[in-house]
Amino acid sequence: MKQRDKLKPCPFCGRSRNLSIEDAGGIDRYVNGEPDGSILMWHVYCGYCGATGPEVLLSCENAVTAWNRRDGERHDD
């Protein structure tokens, strides 16, 4: 199953189509005060209403988890 298929509908407009997992840039990483690449960040974007989920580090899976988290729901982590 593709990551996009695991996404809940947009919490703002209720649409399930036009959701995408996007590269949200990165955070510069420094080692001993010297630039050493960057850490990738991701978020989910709703192409219908323009909502974006929280920016999360490292993987698309983390972006899906953050997008799917809803207030008032129980999460067994």
N, C-alpha and C. Protein backbone atom coordinates (compact mmCIF):
# COMPACT_ATOMS: atom_id res chain seq x y z
N MET A 1 0.85 -1.18 0.00
CA MET A 1 0.00 0.00 0.00
C MET A 1 0.89 1.24 0.00
N LYS A 2 0.59 2.20 -0.84
CA LYS A 2 1.34 3.44 -0.91
C LYS A 2 1.04 4.30 0.32
N GLN A 3 2.02 5.12 0.70
CA GLN A 3 1.85 6.02 1.85
C GLN A 3 0.62 6.89 1.67
N ARG A 4 0.38 7.42 0.46
CA ARG A 4 -0.74 8.30 0.21
C ARG A 4 -2.07 7.61 0.48
N ASP A 5 -2.12 6.29 0.26
CA ASP A 5 -3.35 5.53 0.49
C ASP A 5 -3.69 5.40 1.98
N LYS A 6 -2.72 5.65 2.85
CA LYS A 6 -2.93 5.53 4.29
C LYS A 6 -3.43 6.83 4.92
N LEU A 7 -3.50 7.92 4.14
CA LEU A 7 -3.87 9.22 4.68
C LEU A 7 -5.36 9.34 4.96
N LYS A 8 -5.68 9.92 6.12
CA LYS A 8 -7.07 10.26 6.42
C LYS A 8 -7.45 11.49 5.59
N PRO A 9 -8.75 11.73 5.38
CA PRO A 9 -9.17 12.93 4.65
C PRO A 9 -8.68 14.19 5.35
N CYS A 10 -8.64 15.28 4.62
CA CYS A 10 -8.22 16.56 5.17
C CYS A 10 -9.14 16.95 6.33
N PRO A 11 -8.58 17.35 7.48
CA PRO A 11 -9.42 17.72 8.62
C PRO A 11 -10.14 19.06 8.42
N PHE A 12 -9.78 19.80 7.39
CA PHE A 12 -10.39 21.11 7.15
C PHE A 12 -11.48 21.08 6.09
N CYS A 13 -11.20 20.41 4.96
CA CYS A 13 -12.20 20.39 3.88
C CYS A 13 -12.86 19.03 3.71
N GLY A 14 -12.31 17.98 4.34
CA GLY A 14 -12.89 16.65 4.27
C GLY A 14 -12.57 15.88 3.01
N ARG A 15 -11.77 16.44 2.12
CA ARG A 15 -11.44 15.76 0.86
C ARG A 15 -10.33 14.74 1.05
N SER A 16 -10.40 13.68 0.25
CA SER A 16 -9.37 12.65 0.27
C SER A 16 -8.48 12.72 -0.97
N ARG A 17 -8.99 13.32 -2.01
CA ARG A 17 -8.21 13.45 -3.24
C ARG A 17 -7.26 14.64 -3.13
N ASN A 18 -6.26 14.64 -3.96
CA ASN A 18 -5.29 15.73 -4.04
C ASN A 18 -4.46 15.91 -2.77
N LEU A 19 -4.31 14.84 -1.98
CA LEU A 19 -3.40 14.87 -0.85
C LEU A 19 -2.05 14.37 -1.31
N SER A 20 -0.99 15.05 -0.90
CA SER A 20 0.34 14.61 -1.28
C SER A 20 1.30 14.77 -0.12
N ILE A 21 2.32 13.93 -0.12
CA ILE A 21 3.38 14.01 0.86
C ILE A 21 4.52 14.74 0.19
N GLU A 22 4.92 15.89 0.76
CA GLU A 22 5.90 16.75 0.10
C GLU A 22 7.13 16.98 0.95
N ASP A 23 8.22 17.22 0.25
CA ASP A 23 9.46 17.64 0.89
C ASP A 23 9.25 19.06 1.40
N ALA A 24 9.44 19.27 2.70
CA ALA A 24 9.24 20.60 3.29
C ALA A 24 10.57 21.31 3.52
N GLY A 25 11.57 20.89 2.78
CA GLY A 25 12.88 21.51 2.94
C GLY A 25 13.70 20.73 3.94
N GLY A 26 14.54 21.41 4.63
CA GLY A 26 15.39 20.74 5.60
C GLY A 26 15.92 21.69 6.64
N ILE A 27 16.52 21.11 7.63
CA ILE A 27 17.17 21.87 8.68
C ILE A 27 18.66 21.65 8.51
N ASP A 28 19.42 22.75 8.43
CA ASP A 28 20.86 22.61 8.30
C ASP A 28 21.45 21.95 9.53
N ARG A 29 22.36 21.04 9.28
CA ARG A 29 23.03 20.30 10.35
C ARG A 29 24.47 20.78 10.43
N TYR A 30 24.95 20.97 11.64
CA TYR A 30 26.32 21.41 11.85
C TYR A 30 27.02 20.43 12.79
N VAL A 31 28.29 20.16 12.49
CA VAL A 31 29.12 19.33 13.35
C VAL A 31 30.36 20.15 13.68
N ASN A 32 30.58 20.36 14.95
CA ASN A 32 31.70 21.18 15.42
C ASN A 32 31.72 22.56 14.74
N GLY A 33 30.53 23.13 14.58
CA GLY A 33 30.41 24.47 14.02
C GLY A 33 30.53 24.54 12.51
N GLU A 34 30.71 23.41 11.84
CA GLU A 34 30.85 23.38 10.38
C GLU A 34 29.61 22.76 9.74
N PRO A 35 29.15 23.31 8.59
CA PRO A 35 27.99 22.73 7.90
C PRO A 35 28.24 21.27 7.54
N ASP A 36 27.25 20.42 7.76
CA ASP A 36 27.38 18.99 7.48
C ASP A 36 26.08 18.46 6.89
N GLY A 37 25.60 19.10 5.82
CA GLY A 37 24.39 18.65 5.16
C GLY A 37 23.14 19.16 5.86
N SER A 38 22.04 18.48 5.61
CA SER A 38 20.79 18.88 6.23
C SER A 38 19.95 17.65 6.55
N ILE A 39 18.99 17.85 7.43
CA ILE A 39 18.06 16.80 7.81
C ILE A 39 16.75 17.08 7.10
N LEU A 40 16.25 16.12 6.34
CA LEU A 40 15.03 16.31 5.56
C LEU A 40 13.81 16.48 6.44
N MET A 41 12.88 17.31 5.97
CA MET A 41 11.59 17.49 6.65
C MET A 41 10.49 17.23 5.62
N TRP A 42 9.34 16.73 6.10
CA TRP A 42 8.22 16.37 5.24
C TRP A 42 6.93 16.90 5.83
N HIS A 43 5.92 17.08 4.99
CA HIS A 43 4.56 17.37 5.46
C HIS A 43 3.56 16.89 4.42
N VAL A 44 2.31 16.76 4.84
CA VAL A 44 1.22 16.41 3.93
C VAL A 44 0.56 17.71 3.49
N TYR A 45 0.22 17.78 2.21
CA TYR A 45 -0.39 18.98 1.63
C TYR A 45 -1.72 18.61 0.98
N CYS A 46 -2.76 19.39 1.26
CA CYS A 46 -4.06 19.21 0.60
C CYS A 46 -4.12 20.16 -0.58
N GLY A 47 -4.15 19.60 -1.78
CA GLY A 47 -4.20 20.40 -2.99
C GLY A 47 -5.54 21.06 -3.23
N TYR A 48 -6.55 20.71 -2.45
CA TYR A 48 -7.87 21.32 -2.62
C TYR A 48 -8.00 22.61 -1.81
N CYS A 49 -7.69 22.55 -0.50
CA CYS A 49 -7.88 23.74 0.34
C CYS A 49 -6.57 24.41 0.75
N GLY A 50 -5.43 23.75 0.47
CA GLY A 50 -4.14 24.33 0.79
C GLY A 50 -3.62 24.05 2.19
N ALA A 51 -4.32 23.24 2.96
CA ALA A 51 -3.87 22.92 4.31
C ALA A 51 -2.58 22.10 4.25
N THR A 52 -1.73 22.30 5.25
CA THR A 52 -0.54 21.48 5.37
C THR A 52 -0.49 20.90 6.77
N GLY A 53 0.03 19.71 6.86
CA GLY A 53 0.21 19.07 8.15
C GLY A 53 1.49 19.56 8.80
N PRO A 54 1.74 19.10 10.01
CA PRO A 54 2.96 19.49 10.70
C PRO A 54 4.20 19.05 9.92
N GLU A 55 5.24 19.86 9.96
CA GLU A 55 6.51 19.47 9.36
C GLU A 55 7.22 18.54 10.32
N VAL A 56 7.63 17.39 9.80
CA VAL A 56 8.28 16.38 10.64
C VAL A 56 9.61 15.98 10.03
N LEU A 57 10.47 15.43 10.85
CA LEU A 57 11.81 15.06 10.42
C LEU A 57 11.88 13.67 9.84
N LEU A 58 12.82 13.50 8.95
CA LEU A 58 13.37 12.23 8.50
C LEU A 58 12.58 11.41 7.50
N SER A 59 11.26 11.18 7.67
CA SER A 59 10.63 10.23 6.75
C SER A 59 9.19 10.61 6.41
N CYS A 60 8.75 10.11 5.26
CA CYS A 60 7.36 10.30 4.83
C CYS A 60 6.40 9.63 5.80
N GLU A 61 6.81 8.50 6.37
CA GLU A 61 5.94 7.80 7.32
C GLU A 61 5.61 8.68 8.53
N ASN A 62 6.58 9.46 8.99
CA ASN A 62 6.34 10.37 10.11
C ASN A 62 5.33 11.45 9.72
N ALA A 63 5.36 11.90 8.46
CA ALA A 63 4.41 12.91 7.99
C ALA A 63 2.99 12.33 7.95
N VAL A 64 2.86 11.08 7.53
CA VAL A 64 1.56 10.42 7.50
C VAL A 64 1.00 10.29 8.91
N THR A 65 1.83 9.86 9.85
CA THR A 65 1.41 9.72 11.24
C THR A 65 0.93 11.05 11.81
N ALA A 66 1.69 12.12 11.56
CA ALA A 66 1.32 13.45 12.07
C ALA A 66 0.02 13.94 11.45
N TRP A 67 -0.16 13.72 10.15
CA TRP A 67 -1.39 14.15 9.46
C TRP A 67 -2.61 13.40 9.99
N ASN A 68 -2.45 12.12 10.24
CA ASN A 68 -3.57 11.28 10.67
C ASN A 68 -3.95 11.48 12.14
N ARG A 69 -3.10 12.13 12.90
CA ARG A 69 -3.39 12.34 14.33
C ARG A 69 -4.50 13.39 14.45
N ARG A 70 -5.55 13.05 15.18
CA ARG A 70 -6.69 13.95 15.37
C ARG A 70 -6.95 14.14 16.85
N ASP A 71 -7.27 15.37 17.24
CA ASP A 71 -7.62 15.65 18.64
C ASP A 71 -8.80 14.79 19.07
N GLY A 72 -8.74 14.29 20.27
CA GLY A 72 -9.84 13.51 20.82
C GLY A 72 -9.81 12.04 20.48
N GLU A 73 -8.91 11.61 19.57
CA GLU A 73 -8.80 10.20 19.24
C GLU A 73 -7.76 9.57 20.13
N ARG A 74 -7.97 8.31 20.46
CA ARG A 74 -6.99 7.58 21.26
C ARG A 74 -5.92 7.03 20.34
N HIS A 75 -4.67 7.12 20.78
CA HIS A 75 -3.54 6.60 20.01
C HIS A 75 -2.77 5.64 20.87
N ASP A 76 -2.58 4.44 20.37
CA ASP A 76 -1.79 3.43 21.08
C ASP A 76 -0.39 3.42 20.48
N ASP A 77 0.49 4.24 21.05
CA ASP A 77 1.87 4.34 20.53
C ASP A 77 2.81 3.47 21.31
